[in-house]
Amino acid sequence: MATIGTFTSTENGFNGTIKTLNLNVKARIIRVENPSDKGPHFRIYAAGAVDYAENVLMQSVGR
């Protein structure tokens, strides 16, 4: 499987970069303080102020 990003762990999530053929951005993955069962467990901030709610990460990890 190809690696499209590198991240380091922080106290509340991860910091790193995402690099593809069309994308090269710094990104932060921040843990949601009080997630619900149907809501996202992490938020992804990339390219400045863009916010992506992401619950696919938790599903892929099996949590």
PDB file of N, CA and C in Angstrom:
ATOM      1  N   MET A   1       0.841  -1.172   0.000  1.00  0.00           N
ATOM      2  CA  MET A   1       0.000   0.000   0.000  1.00  0.00           C
ATOM      3  C   MET A   1       0.890   1.240   0.000  1.00  0.00           C
ATOM      4  N   ALA A   2       0.529   2.218  -0.782  1.00  0.00           N
ATOM      5  CA  ALA A   2       1.312   3.449  -0.905  1.00  0.00           C
ATOM      6  C   ALA A   2       1.139   4.331   0.330  1.00  0.00           C
ATOM      7  N   THR A   3       2.187   5.034   0.695  1.00  0.00           N
ATOM      8  CA  THR A   3       2.147   5.992   1.792  1.00  0.00           C
ATOM      9  C   THR A   3       1.856   7.369   1.222  1.00  0.00           C
ATOM     10  N   ILE A   4       0.755   7.995   1.659  1.00  0.00           N
ATOM     11  CA  ILE A   4       0.415   9.330   1.161  1.00  0.00           C
ATOM     12  C   ILE A   4       0.589  10.390   2.231  1.00  0.00           C
ATOM     13  N   GLY A   5       0.966   9.989   3.439  1.00  0.00           N
ATOM     14  CA  GLY A   5       1.154  10.972   4.489  1.00  0.00           C
ATOM     15  C   GLY A   5       2.086  10.471   5.561  1.00  0.00           C
ATOM     16  N   THR A   6       2.694  11.435   6.258  1.00  0.00           N
ATOM     17  CA  THR A   6       3.524  11.120   7.411  1.00  0.00           C
ATOM     18  C   THR A   6       3.059  11.985   8.562  1.00  0.00           C
ATOM     19  N   PHE A   7       2.888  11.386   9.727  1.00  0.00           N
ATOM     20  CA  PHE A   7       2.355  12.093  10.885  1.00  0.00           C
ATOM     21  C   PHE A   7       3.130  11.719  12.135  1.00  0.00           C
ATOM     22  N   THR A   8       3.169  12.659  13.073  1.00  0.00           N
ATOM     23  CA  THR A   8       3.731  12.399  14.388  1.00  0.00           C
ATOM     24  C   THR A   8       2.634  12.611  15.421  1.00  0.00           C
ATOM     25  N   SER A   9       2.696  11.857  16.480  1.00  0.00           N
ATOM     26  CA  SER A   9       1.684  11.916  17.522  1.00  0.00           C
ATOM     27  C   SER A   9       1.879  13.145  18.399  1.00  0.00           C
ATOM     28  N   THR A  10       0.765  13.789  18.774  1.00  0.00           N
ATOM     29  CA  THR A  10       0.776  14.888  19.728  1.00  0.00           C
ATOM     30  C   THR A  10      -0.144  14.517  20.878  1.00  0.00           C
ATOM     31  N   GLU A  11      -0.272  15.393  21.860  1.00  0.00           N
ATOM     32  CA  GLU A  11      -1.098  15.057  23.024  1.00  0.00           C
ATOM     33  C   GLU A  11      -2.589  14.978  22.703  1.00  0.00           C
ATOM     34  N   ASN A  12      -3.044  15.634  21.634  1.00  0.00           N
ATOM     35  CA  ASN A  12      -4.470  15.585  21.313  1.00  0.00           C
ATOM     36  C   ASN A  12      -4.756  15.106  19.895  1.00  0.00           C
ATOM     37  N   GLY A  13      -3.796  14.475  19.229  1.00  0.00           N
ATOM     38  CA  GLY A  13      -4.012  13.980  17.869  1.00  0.00           C
ATOM     39  C   GLY A  13      -2.711  13.744  17.139  1.00  0.00           C
ATOM     40  N   PHE A  14      -2.645  14.227  15.882  1.00  0.00           N
ATOM     41  CA  PHE A  14      -1.472  14.019  15.041  1.00  0.00           C
ATOM     42  C   PHE A  14      -1.210  15.251  14.190  1.00  0.00           C
ATOM     43  N   ASN A  15       0.052  15.522  13.877  1.00  0.00           N
ATOM     44  CA  ASN A  15       0.469  16.583  12.958  1.00  0.00           C
ATOM     45  C   ASN A  15       1.317  15.955  11.873  1.00  0.00           C
ATOM     46  N   GLY A  16       1.177  16.452  10.633  1.00  0.00           N
ATOM     47  CA  GLY A  16       2.004  15.922   9.561  1.00  0.00           C
ATOM     48  C   GLY A  16       1.660  16.513   8.220  1.00  0.00           C
ATOM     49  N   THR A  17       2.011  15.784   7.175  1.00  0.00           N
ATOM     50  CA  THR A  17       1.762  16.241   5.803  1.00  0.00           C
ATOM     51  C   THR A  17       1.094  15.132   4.999  1.00  0.00           C
ATOM     52  N   ILE A  18       0.292  15.556   4.017  1.00  0.00           N
ATOM     53  CA  ILE A  18      -0.333  14.645   3.065  1.00  0.00           C
ATOM     54  C   ILE A  18       0.216  15.011   1.696  1.00  0.00           C
ATOM     55  N   LYS A  19       0.811  14.020   1.015  1.00  0.00           N
ATOM     56  CA  LYS A  19       1.408  14.261  -0.308  1.00  0.00           C
ATOM     57  C   LYS A  19       0.876  13.245  -1.303  1.00  0.00           C
ATOM     58  N   THR A  20       0.237  13.761  -2.357  1.00  0.00           N
ATOM     59  CA  THR A  20      -0.189  12.934  -3.490  1.00  0.00           C
ATOM     60  C   THR A  20       0.275  13.644  -4.756  1.00  0.00           C
ATOM     61  N   LEU A  21      -0.129  13.140  -5.918  1.00  0.00           N
ATOM     62  CA  LEU A  21       0.244  13.804  -7.165  1.00  0.00           C
ATOM     63  C   LEU A  21      -0.337  15.213  -7.252  1.00  0.00           C
ATOM     64  N   ASN A  22      -1.542  15.412  -6.719  1.00  0.00           N
ATOM     65  CA  ASN A  22      -2.218  16.706  -6.819  1.00  0.00           C
ATOM     66  C   ASN A  22      -2.273  17.475  -5.517  1.00  0.00           C
ATOM     67  N   LEU A  23      -1.800  16.915  -4.438  1.00  0.00           N
ATOM     68  CA  LEU A  23      -1.976  17.518  -3.119  1.00  0.00           C
ATOM     69  C   LEU A  23      -0.678  17.457  -2.336  1.00  0.00           C
ATOM     70  N   ASN A  24      -0.314  18.552  -1.712  1.00  0.00           N
ATOM     71  CA  ASN A  24       0.841  18.601  -0.834  1.00  0.00           C
ATOM     72  C   ASN A  24       0.532  19.630   0.250  1.00  0.00           C
ATOM     73  N   VAL A  25      -0.083  19.172   1.361  1.00  0.00           N
ATOM     74  CA  VAL A  25      -0.537  20.087   2.407  1.00  0.00           C
ATOM     75  C   VAL A  25      -0.119  19.596   3.786  1.00  0.00           C
ATOM     76  N   LYS A  26       0.025  20.543   4.692  1.00  0.00           N
ATOM     77  CA  LYS A  26       0.195  20.215   6.095  1.00  0.00           C
ATOM     78  C   LYS A  26      -1.191  19.935   6.670  1.00  0.00           C
ATOM     79  N   ALA A  27      -1.272  18.978   7.576  1.00  0.00           N
ATOM     80  CA  ALA A  27      -2.564  18.595   8.129  1.00  0.00           C
ATOM     81  C   ALA A  27      -2.439  18.302   9.617  1.00  0.00           C
ATOM     82  N   ARG A  28      -3.541  18.540  10.324  1.00  0.00           N
ATOM     83  CA  ARG A  28      -3.648  18.181  11.744  1.00  0.00           C
ATOM     84  C   ARG A  28      -4.868  17.292  11.904  1.00  0.00           C
ATOM     85  N   ILE A  29      -4.717  16.197  12.614  1.00  0.00           N
ATOM     86  CA  ILE A  29      -5.836  15.322  12.956  1.00  0.00           C
ATOM     87  C   ILE A  29      -6.034  15.471  14.457  1.00  0.00           C
ATOM     88  N   ILE A  30      -7.167  16.064  14.833  1.00  0.00           N
ATOM     89  CA  ILE A  30      -7.433  16.392  16.230  1.00  0.00           C
ATOM     90  C   ILE A  30      -8.555  15.516  16.764  1.00  0.00           C
ATOM     91  N   ARG A  31      -8.350  14.913  17.925  1.00  0.00           N
ATOM     92  CA  ARG A  31      -9.344  14.062  18.574  1.00  0.00           C
ATOM     93  C   ARG A  31     -10.501  14.922  19.083  1.00  0.00           C
ATOM     94  N   VAL A  32     -11.744  14.497  18.838  1.00  0.00           N
ATOM     95  CA  VAL A  32     -12.931  15.183  19.340  1.00  0.00           C
ATOM     96  C   VAL A  32     -13.051  14.868  20.831  1.00  0.00           C
ATOM     97  N   GLU A  33     -13.291  15.891  21.644  1.00  0.00           N
ATOM     98  CA  GLU A  33     -13.319  15.719  23.103  1.00  0.00           C
ATOM     99  C   GLU A  33     -14.423  14.768  23.564  1.00  0.00           C
ATOM    100  N   ASN A  34     -15.650  14.959  23.085  1.00  0.00           N
ATOM    101  CA  ASN A  34     -16.780  14.123  23.510  1.00  0.00           C
ATOM    102  C   ASN A  34     -17.509  13.587  22.279  1.00  0.00           C
ATOM    103  N   PRO A  35     -16.960  12.553  21.632  1.00  0.00           N
ATOM    104  CA  PRO A  35     -17.604  12.051  20.415  1.00  0.00           C
ATOM    105  C   PRO A  35     -18.883  11.285  20.742  1.00  0.00           C
ATOM    106  N   SER A  36     -19.838  11.348  19.826  1.00  0.00           N
ATOM    107  CA  SER A  36     -21.047  10.543  19.972  1.00  0.00           C
ATOM    108  C   SER A  36     -20.858   9.251  19.185  1.00  0.00           C
ATOM    109  N   ASP A  37     -21.783   8.308  19.344  1.00  0.00           N
ATOM    110  CA  ASP A  37     -21.675   7.039  18.629  1.00  0.00           C
ATOM    111  C   ASP A  37     -21.772   7.228  17.119  1.00  0.00           C
ATOM    112  N   LYS A  38     -22.564   8.198  16.671  1.00  0.00           N
ATOM    113  CA  LYS A  38     -22.766   8.402  15.245  1.00  0.00           C
ATOM    114  C   LYS A  38     -21.956   9.565  14.696  1.00  0.00           C
ATOM    115  N   GLY A  39     -21.236  10.270  15.531  1.00  0.00           N
ATOM    116  CA  GLY A  39     -20.457  11.421  15.096  1.00  0.00           C
ATOM    117  C   GLY A  39     -19.000  11.071  14.869  1.00  0.00           C
ATOM    118  N   PRO A  40     -18.247  12.012  14.327  1.00  0.00           N
ATOM    119  CA  PRO A  40     -16.825  11.762  14.066  1.00  0.00           C
ATOM    120  C   PRO A  40     -16.013  11.704  15.356  1.00  0.00           C
ATOM    121  N   HIS A  41     -14.959  10.921  15.363  1.00  0.00           N
ATOM    122  CA  HIS A  41     -14.058  10.830  16.508  1.00  0.00           C
ATOM    123  C   HIS A  41     -12.837  11.712  16.324  1.00  0.00           C
ATOM    124  N   PHE A  42     -12.581  12.129  15.089  1.00  0.00           N
ATOM    125  CA  PHE A  42     -11.463  13.013  14.780  1.00  0.00           C
ATOM    126  C   PHE A  42     -11.928  14.095  13.812  1.00  0.00           C
ATOM    127  N   ARG A  43     -11.241  15.235  13.834  1.00  0.00           N
ATOM    128  CA  ARG A  43     -11.440  16.280  12.840  1.00  0.00           C
ATOM    129  C   ARG A  43     -10.105  16.495  12.153  1.00  0.00           C
ATOM    130  N   ILE A  44     -10.151  16.673  10.836  1.00  0.00           N
ATOM    131  CA  ILE A  44      -8.942  16.879  10.054  1.00  0.00           C
ATOM    132  C   ILE A  44      -8.920  18.314   9.570  1.00  0.00           C
ATOM    133  N   TYR A  45      -7.850  19.022   9.912  1.00  0.00           N
ATOM    134  CA  TYR A  45      -7.653  20.398   9.474  1.00  0.00           C
ATOM    135  C   TYR A  45      -6.498  20.395   8.488  1.00  0.00           C
ATOM    136  N   ALA A  46      -6.766  20.865   7.267  1.00  0.00           N
ATOM    137  CA  ALA A  46      -5.734  20.876   6.240  1.00  0.00           C
ATOM    138  C   ALA A  46      -5.840  22.153   5.427  1.00  0.00           C
ATOM    139  N   ALA A  47      -4.721  22.587   4.876  1.00  0.00           N
ATOM    140  CA  ALA A  47      -4.679  23.763   3.995  1.00  0.00           C
ATOM    141  C   ALA A  47      -5.266  24.982   4.684  1.00  0.00           C
ATOM    142  N   GLY A  48      -4.826  25.255   5.888  1.00  0.00           N
ATOM    143  CA  GLY A  48      -5.307  26.438   6.603  1.00  0.00           C
ATOM    144  C   GLY A  48      -6.507  26.131   7.458  1.00  0.00           C
ATOM    145  N   ALA A  49      -7.659  26.650   7.069  1.00  0.00           N
ATOM    146  CA  ALA A  49      -8.843  26.547   7.913  1.00  0.00           C
ATOM    147  C   ALA A  49      -9.846  25.510   7.424  1.00  0.00           C
ATOM    148  N   VAL A  50      -9.485  24.652   6.496  1.00  0.00           N
ATOM    149  CA  VAL A  50     -10.420  23.649   6.006  1.00  0.00           C
ATOM    150  C   VAL A  50     -10.591  22.578   7.079  1.00  0.00           C
ATOM    151  N   ASP A  51     -11.844  22.241   7.384  1.00  0.00           N
ATOM    152  CA  ASP A  51     -12.157  21.287   8.446  1.00  0.00           C
ATOM    153  C   ASP A  51     -12.925  20.113   7.850  1.00  0.00           C
ATOM    154  N   TYR A  52     -12.401  18.903   8.022  1.00  0.00           N
ATOM    155  CA  TYR A  52     -13.061  17.703   7.533  1.00  0.00           C
ATOM    156  C   TYR A  52     -13.403  16.821   8.725  1.00  0.00           C
ATOM    157  N   ALA A  53     -14.689  16.593   8.962  1.00  0.00           N
ATOM    158  CA  ALA A  53     -15.080  15.645  10.012  1.00  0.00           C
ATOM    159  C   ALA A  53     -14.845  14.250   9.455  1.00  0.00           C
ATOM    160  N   GLU A  54     -14.195  13.419  10.228  1.00  0.00           N
ATOM    161  CA  GLU A  54     -13.783  12.125   9.681  1.00  0.00           C
ATOM    162  C   GLU A  54     -14.059  11.012  10.666  1.00  0.00           C
ATOM    163  N   ASN A  55     -15.086  10.212  10.394  1.00  0.00           N
ATOM    164  CA  ASN A  55     -15.301   9.032  11.214  1.00  0.00           C
ATOM    165  C   ASN A  55     -14.833   7.777  10.499  1.00  0.00           C
ATOM    166  N   VAL A  56     -14.397   7.896   9.253  1.00  0.00           N
ATOM    167  CA  VAL A  56     -13.868   6.751   8.519  1.00  0.00           C
ATOM    168  C   VAL A  56     -12.590   6.253   9.174  1.00  0.00           C
ATOM    169  N   LEU A  57     -11.798   7.159   9.758  1.00  0.00           N
ATOM    170  CA  LEU A  57     -10.564   6.743  10.438  1.00  0.00           C
ATOM    171  C   LEU A  57     -10.866   5.752  11.549  1.00  0.00           C
ATOM    172  N   MET A  58     -11.874   6.048  12.347  1.00  0.00           N
ATOM    173  CA  MET A  58     -12.208   5.154  13.457  1.00  0.00           C
ATOM    174  C   MET A  58     -12.749   3.824  12.936  1.00  0.00           C
ATOM    175  N   GLN A  59     -13.511   3.834  11.847  1.00  0.00           N
ATOM    176  CA  GLN A  59     -14.044   2.607  11.292  1.00  0.00           C
ATOM    177  C   GLN A  59     -12.928   1.748  10.726  1.00  0.00           C
ATOM    178  N   SER A  60     -11.920   2.375  10.096  1.00  0.00           N
ATOM    179  CA  SER A  60     -10.831   1.605   9.503  1.00  0.00           C
ATOM    180  C   SER A  60      -9.925   1.014  10.571  1.00  0.00           C
ATOM    181  N   VAL A  61      -9.841   1.661  11.741  1.00  0.00           N
ATOM    182  CA  VAL A  61      -9.020   1.147  12.828  1.00  0.00           C
ATOM    183  C   VAL A  61      -9.775   0.054  13.583  1.00  0.00           C
ATOM    184  N   GLY A  62     -11.105   0.045  13.447  1.00  0.00           N
ATOM    185  CA  GLY A  62     -11.907  -0.983  14.120  1.00  0.00           C
ATOM    186  C   GLY A  62     -12.423  -0.559  15.466  1.00  0.00           C
ATOM    187  N   ARG A  63     -12.516   0.741  15.705  1.00  0.00           N
ATOM    188  CA  ARG A  63     -13.034   1.237  17.001  1.00  0.00           C
ATOM    189  C   ARG A  63     -14.450   1.682  16.865  1.00  0.00           C
TER     190      ARG A  63
END
